[in-house]
Amino acid sequence: MKNGVNITGATQASYTTPPTTAGDNGSLFAVIVSNAAGSVTSNNAILTVR
């Protein structure tokens, strides 16, 4: 998820962001992991663009 919205197509075990810009600075990323037992959402990670 980016800023609370699901990222289209980001459904695999890993995800690489497209090239970032200064406008992406401060974006919040989280991941939802699920299996037969249920699902859990991670804490947000803040993207820093330098």
PDB file of N, CA and C in Angstrom:
ATOM      1  N   MET A   1       0.840  -1.163   0.000  1.00  0.00           N
ATOM      2  CA  MET A   1       0.000   0.000   0.000  1.00  0.00           C
ATOM      3  C   MET A   1       0.893   1.236   0.000  1.00  0.00           C
ATOM      4  N   LYS A   2       0.461   2.253  -0.718  1.00  0.00           N
ATOM      5  CA  LYS A   2       1.147   3.536  -0.706  1.00  0.00           C
ATOM      6  C   LYS A   2       0.134   4.581  -0.267  1.00  0.00           C
ATOM      7  N   ASN A   3       0.454   5.265   0.810  1.00  0.00           N
ATOM      8  CA  ASN A   3      -0.436   6.285   1.366  1.00  0.00           C
ATOM      9  C   ASN A   3      -1.855   5.747   1.587  1.00  0.00           C
ATOM     10  N   GLY A   4      -1.935   4.494   2.065  1.00  0.00           N
ATOM     11  CA  GLY A   4      -3.213   3.897   2.414  1.00  0.00           C
ATOM     12  C   GLY A   4      -4.004   3.308   1.263  1.00  0.00           C
ATOM     13  N   VAL A   5      -3.430   3.323   0.063  1.00  0.00           N
ATOM     14  CA  VAL A   5      -4.125   2.812  -1.128  1.00  0.00           C
ATOM     15  C   VAL A   5      -3.358   1.609  -1.672  1.00  0.00           C
ATOM     16  N   ASN A   6      -4.077   0.539  -2.012  1.00  0.00           N
ATOM     17  CA  ASN A   6      -3.421  -0.635  -2.606  1.00  0.00           C
ATOM     18  C   ASN A   6      -2.684  -0.241  -3.878  1.00  0.00           C
ATOM     19  N   ILE A   7      -1.514  -0.819  -4.087  1.00  0.00           N
ATOM     20  CA  ILE A   7      -0.716  -0.581  -5.286  1.00  0.00           C
ATOM     21  C   ILE A   7      -1.109  -1.635  -6.313  1.00  0.00           C
ATOM     22  N   THR A   8      -1.635  -1.201  -7.440  1.00  0.00           N
ATOM     23  CA  THR A   8      -2.072  -2.112  -8.491  1.00  0.00           C
ATOM     24  C   THR A   8      -0.930  -3.028  -8.923  1.00  0.00           C
ATOM     25  N   GLY A   9      -1.181  -4.322  -8.918  1.00  0.00           N
ATOM     26  CA  GLY A   9      -0.201  -5.296  -9.374  1.00  0.00           C
ATOM     27  C   GLY A   9       0.835  -5.701  -8.330  1.00  0.00           C
ATOM     28  N   ALA A  10       0.822  -5.079  -7.157  1.00  0.00           N
ATOM     29  CA  ALA A  10       1.814  -5.403  -6.121  1.00  0.00           C
ATOM     30  C   ALA A  10       1.280  -6.535  -5.249  1.00  0.00           C
ATOM     31  N   THR A  11       1.316  -7.750  -5.802  1.00  0.00           N
ATOM     32  CA  THR A  11       0.740  -8.901  -5.101  1.00  0.00           C
ATOM     33  C   THR A  11       1.733 -10.049  -4.934  1.00  0.00           C
ATOM     34  N   GLN A  12       2.990  -9.807  -5.218  1.00  0.00           N
ATOM     35  CA  GLN A  12       4.006 -10.854  -5.122  1.00  0.00           C
ATOM     36  C   GLN A  12       4.778 -10.743  -3.795  1.00  0.00           C
ATOM     37  N   ALA A  13       5.718 -11.635  -3.592  1.00  0.00           N
ATOM     38  CA  ALA A  13       6.503 -11.659  -2.359  1.00  0.00           C
ATOM     39  C   ALA A  13       7.458 -10.477  -2.236  1.00  0.00           C
ATOM     40  N   SER A  14       7.749  -9.787  -3.341  1.00  0.00           N
ATOM     41  CA  SER A  14       8.606  -8.598  -3.273  1.00  0.00           C
ATOM     42  C   SER A  14       8.028  -7.519  -4.185  1.00  0.00           C
ATOM     43  N   TYR A  15       8.427  -6.280  -3.929  1.00  0.00           N
ATOM     44  CA  TYR A  15       7.945  -5.145  -4.708  1.00  0.00           C
ATOM     45  C   TYR A  15       9.069  -4.125  -4.835  1.00  0.00           C
ATOM     46  N   THR A  16       9.274  -3.628  -6.036  1.00  0.00           N
ATOM     47  CA  THR A  16      10.250  -2.569  -6.282  1.00  0.00           C
ATOM     48  C   THR A  16       9.490  -1.344  -6.757  1.00  0.00           C
ATOM     49  N   THR A  17       9.717  -0.225  -6.095  1.00  0.00           N
ATOM     50  CA  THR A  17       9.017   0.990  -6.500  1.00  0.00           C
ATOM     51  C   THR A  17       9.526   1.458  -7.850  1.00  0.00           C
ATOM     52  N   PRO A  18       8.669   2.140  -8.608  1.00  0.00           N
ATOM     53  CA  PRO A  18       9.160   2.788  -9.827  1.00  0.00           C
ATOM     54  C   PRO A  18      10.124   3.911  -9.414  1.00  0.00           C
ATOM     55  N   PRO A  19      10.850   4.496 -10.359  1.00  0.00           N
ATOM     56  CA  PRO A  19      11.752   5.599  -9.987  1.00  0.00           C
ATOM     57  C   PRO A  19      10.997   6.662  -9.186  1.00  0.00           C
ATOM     58  N   THR A  20      11.614   7.098  -8.113  1.00  0.00           N
ATOM     59  CA  THR A  20      10.969   8.079  -7.242  1.00  0.00           C
ATOM     60  C   THR A  20      11.365   9.500  -7.619  1.00  0.00           C
ATOM     61  N   THR A  21      10.538  10.436  -7.202  1.00  0.00           N
ATOM     62  CA  THR A  21      10.801  11.856  -7.424  1.00  0.00           C
ATOM     63  C   THR A  21      10.707  12.565  -6.083  1.00  0.00           C
ATOM     64  N   ALA A  22      11.074  13.823  -6.058  1.00  0.00           N
ATOM     65  CA  ALA A  22      10.987  14.603  -4.817  1.00  0.00           C
ATOM     66  C   ALA A  22       9.551  14.622  -4.291  1.00  0.00           C
ATOM     67  N   GLY A  23       8.576  14.557  -5.186  1.00  0.00           N
ATOM     68  CA  GLY A  23       7.178  14.540  -4.767  1.00  0.00           C
ATOM     69  C   GLY A  23       6.783  13.298  -3.992  1.00  0.00           C
ATOM     70  N   ASP A  24       7.584  12.224  -4.090  1.00  0.00           N
ATOM     71  CA  ASP A  24       7.312  10.990  -3.350  1.00  0.00           C
ATOM     72  C   ASP A  24       7.828  11.059  -1.915  1.00  0.00           C
ATOM     73  N   ASN A  25       8.625  12.060  -1.602  1.00  0.00           N
ATOM     74  CA  ASN A  25       9.195  12.178  -0.259  1.00  0.00           C
ATOM     75  C   ASN A  25       8.077  12.205   0.782  1.00  0.00           C
ATOM     76  N   GLY A  26       8.209  11.385   1.801  1.00  0.00           N
ATOM     77  CA  GLY A  26       7.217  11.325   2.859  1.00  0.00           C
ATOM     78  C   GLY A  26       6.086  10.357   2.604  1.00  0.00           C
ATOM     79  N   SER A  27       6.080   9.682   1.455  1.00  0.00           N
ATOM     80  CA  SER A  27       5.039   8.693   1.173  1.00  0.00           C
ATOM     81  C   SER A  27       5.107   7.569   2.195  1.00  0.00           C
ATOM     82  N   LEU A  28       3.955   7.029   2.523  1.00  0.00           N
ATOM     83  CA  LEU A  28       3.872   5.943   3.496  1.00  0.00           C
ATOM     84  C   LEU A  28       3.631   4.626   2.768  1.00  0.00           C
ATOM     85  N   PHE A  29       4.450   3.628   3.079  1.00  0.00           N
ATOM     86  CA  PHE A  29       4.312   2.299   2.495  1.00  0.00           C
ATOM     87  C   PHE A  29       4.022   1.291   3.603  1.00  0.00           C
ATOM     88  N   ALA A  30       3.117   0.357   3.330  1.00  0.00           N
ATOM     89  CA  ALA A  30       2.809  -0.732   4.253  1.00  0.00           C
ATOM     90  C   ALA A  30       2.561  -1.988   3.431  1.00  0.00           C
ATOM     91  N   VAL A  31       2.635  -3.117   4.093  1.00  0.00           N
ATOM     92  CA  VAL A  31       2.407  -4.392   3.409  1.00  0.00           C
ATOM     93  C   VAL A  31       1.365  -5.189   4.190  1.00  0.00           C
ATOM     94  N   ILE A  32       0.514  -5.880   3.446  1.00  0.00           N
ATOM     95  CA  ILE A  32      -0.455  -6.799   4.044  1.00  0.00           C
ATOM     96  C   ILE A  32      -0.007  -8.212   3.708  1.00  0.00           C
ATOM     97  N   VAL A  33       0.186  -9.021   4.734  1.00  0.00           N
ATOM     98  CA  VAL A  33       0.596 -10.411   4.550  1.00  0.00           C
ATOM     99  C   VAL A  33      -0.574 -11.289   4.957  1.00  0.00           C
ATOM    100  N   SER A  34      -0.896 -12.260   4.099  1.00  0.00           N
ATOM    101  CA  SER A  34      -2.031 -13.123   4.427  1.00  0.00           C
ATOM    102  C   SER A  34      -1.739 -14.578   4.071  1.00  0.00           C
ATOM    103  N   ASN A  35      -2.404 -15.454   4.795  1.00  0.00           N
ATOM    104  CA  ASN A  35      -2.359 -16.888   4.511  1.00  0.00           C
ATOM    105  C   ASN A  35      -3.658 -17.490   5.034  1.00  0.00           C
ATOM    106  N   ALA A  36      -3.732 -18.799   5.110  1.00  0.00           N
ATOM    107  CA  ALA A  36      -4.966 -19.460   5.532  1.00  0.00           C
ATOM    108  C   ALA A  36      -5.389 -19.076   6.950  1.00  0.00           C
ATOM    109  N   ALA A  37      -4.447 -18.652   7.775  1.00  0.00           N
ATOM    110  CA  ALA A  37      -4.752 -18.300   9.164  1.00  0.00           C
ATOM    111  C   ALA A  37      -5.275 -16.878   9.312  1.00  0.00           C
ATOM    112  N   GLY A  38      -5.140 -16.052   8.271  1.00  0.00           N
ATOM    113  CA  GLY A  38      -5.608 -14.678   8.362  1.00  0.00           C
ATOM    114  C   GLY A  38      -4.650 -13.714   7.699  1.00  0.00           C
ATOM    115  N   SER A  39      -4.748 -12.453   8.076  1.00  0.00           N
ATOM    116  CA  SER A  39      -3.861 -11.448   7.495  1.00  0.00           C
ATOM    117  C   SER A  39      -3.464 -10.429   8.550  1.00  0.00           C
ATOM    118  N   VAL A  40      -2.371  -9.739   8.266  1.00  0.00           N
ATOM    119  CA  VAL A  40      -1.868  -8.700   9.161  1.00  0.00           C
ATOM    120  C   VAL A  40      -1.269  -7.599   8.303  1.00  0.00           C
ATOM    121  N   THR A  41      -1.426  -6.364   8.738  1.00  0.00           N
ATOM    122  CA  THR A  41      -0.871  -5.209   8.040  1.00  0.00           C
ATOM    123  C   THR A  41       0.301  -4.666   8.843  1.00  0.00           C
ATOM    124  N   SER A  42       1.410  -4.390   8.156  1.00  0.00           N
ATOM    125  CA  SER A  42       2.593  -3.856   8.818  1.00  0.00           C
ATOM    126  C   SER A  42       2.369  -2.418   9.256  1.00  0.00           C
ATOM    127  N   ASN A  43       3.281  -1.926  10.076  1.00  0.00           N
ATOM    128  CA  ASN A  43       3.333  -0.496  10.351  1.00  0.00           C
ATOM    129  C   ASN A  43       3.769   0.209   9.077  1.00  0.00           C
ATOM    130  N   ASN A  44       3.499   1.499   8.987  1.00  0.00           N
ATOM    131  CA  ASN A  44       3.947   2.276   7.839  1.00  0.00           C
ATOM    132  C   ASN A  44       5.448   2.493   7.853  1.00  0.00           C
ATOM    133  N   ALA A  45       6.038   2.502   6.686  1.00  0.00           N
ATOM    134  CA  ALA A  45       7.429   2.914   6.489  1.00  0.00           C
ATOM    135  C   ALA A  45       7.371   4.211   5.702  1.00  0.00           C
ATOM    136  N   ILE A  46       8.153   5.203   6.104  1.00  0.00           N
ATOM    137  CA  ILE A  46       8.156   6.506   5.427  1.00  0.00           C
ATOM    138  C   ILE A  46       9.292   6.546   4.423  1.00  0.00           C
ATOM    139  N   LEU A  47       8.966   6.879   3.182  1.00  0.00           N
ATOM    140  CA  LEU A  47       9.969   6.975   2.120  1.00  0.00           C
ATOM    141  C   LEU A  47      10.653   8.338   2.190  1.00  0.00           C
ATOM    142  N   THR A  48      11.982   8.333   2.212  1.00  0.00           N
ATOM    143  CA  THR A  48      12.756   9.565   2.171  1.00  0.00           C
ATOM    144  C   THR A  48      13.497   9.627   0.852  1.00  0.00           C
ATOM    145  N   VAL A  49      13.260  10.671   0.086  1.00  0.00           N
ATOM    146  CA  VAL A  49      13.930  10.878  -1.206  1.00  0.00           C
ATOM    147  C   VAL A  49      14.960  11.976  -1.015  1.00  0.00           C
ATOM    148  N   ARG A  50      16.196  11.680  -1.376  1.00  0.00           N
ATOM    149  CA  ARG A  50      17.266  12.681  -1.229  1.00  0.00           C
ATOM    150  C   ARG A  50      17.837  13.030  -2.562  1.00  0.00           C
TER     151      ARG A  50
END
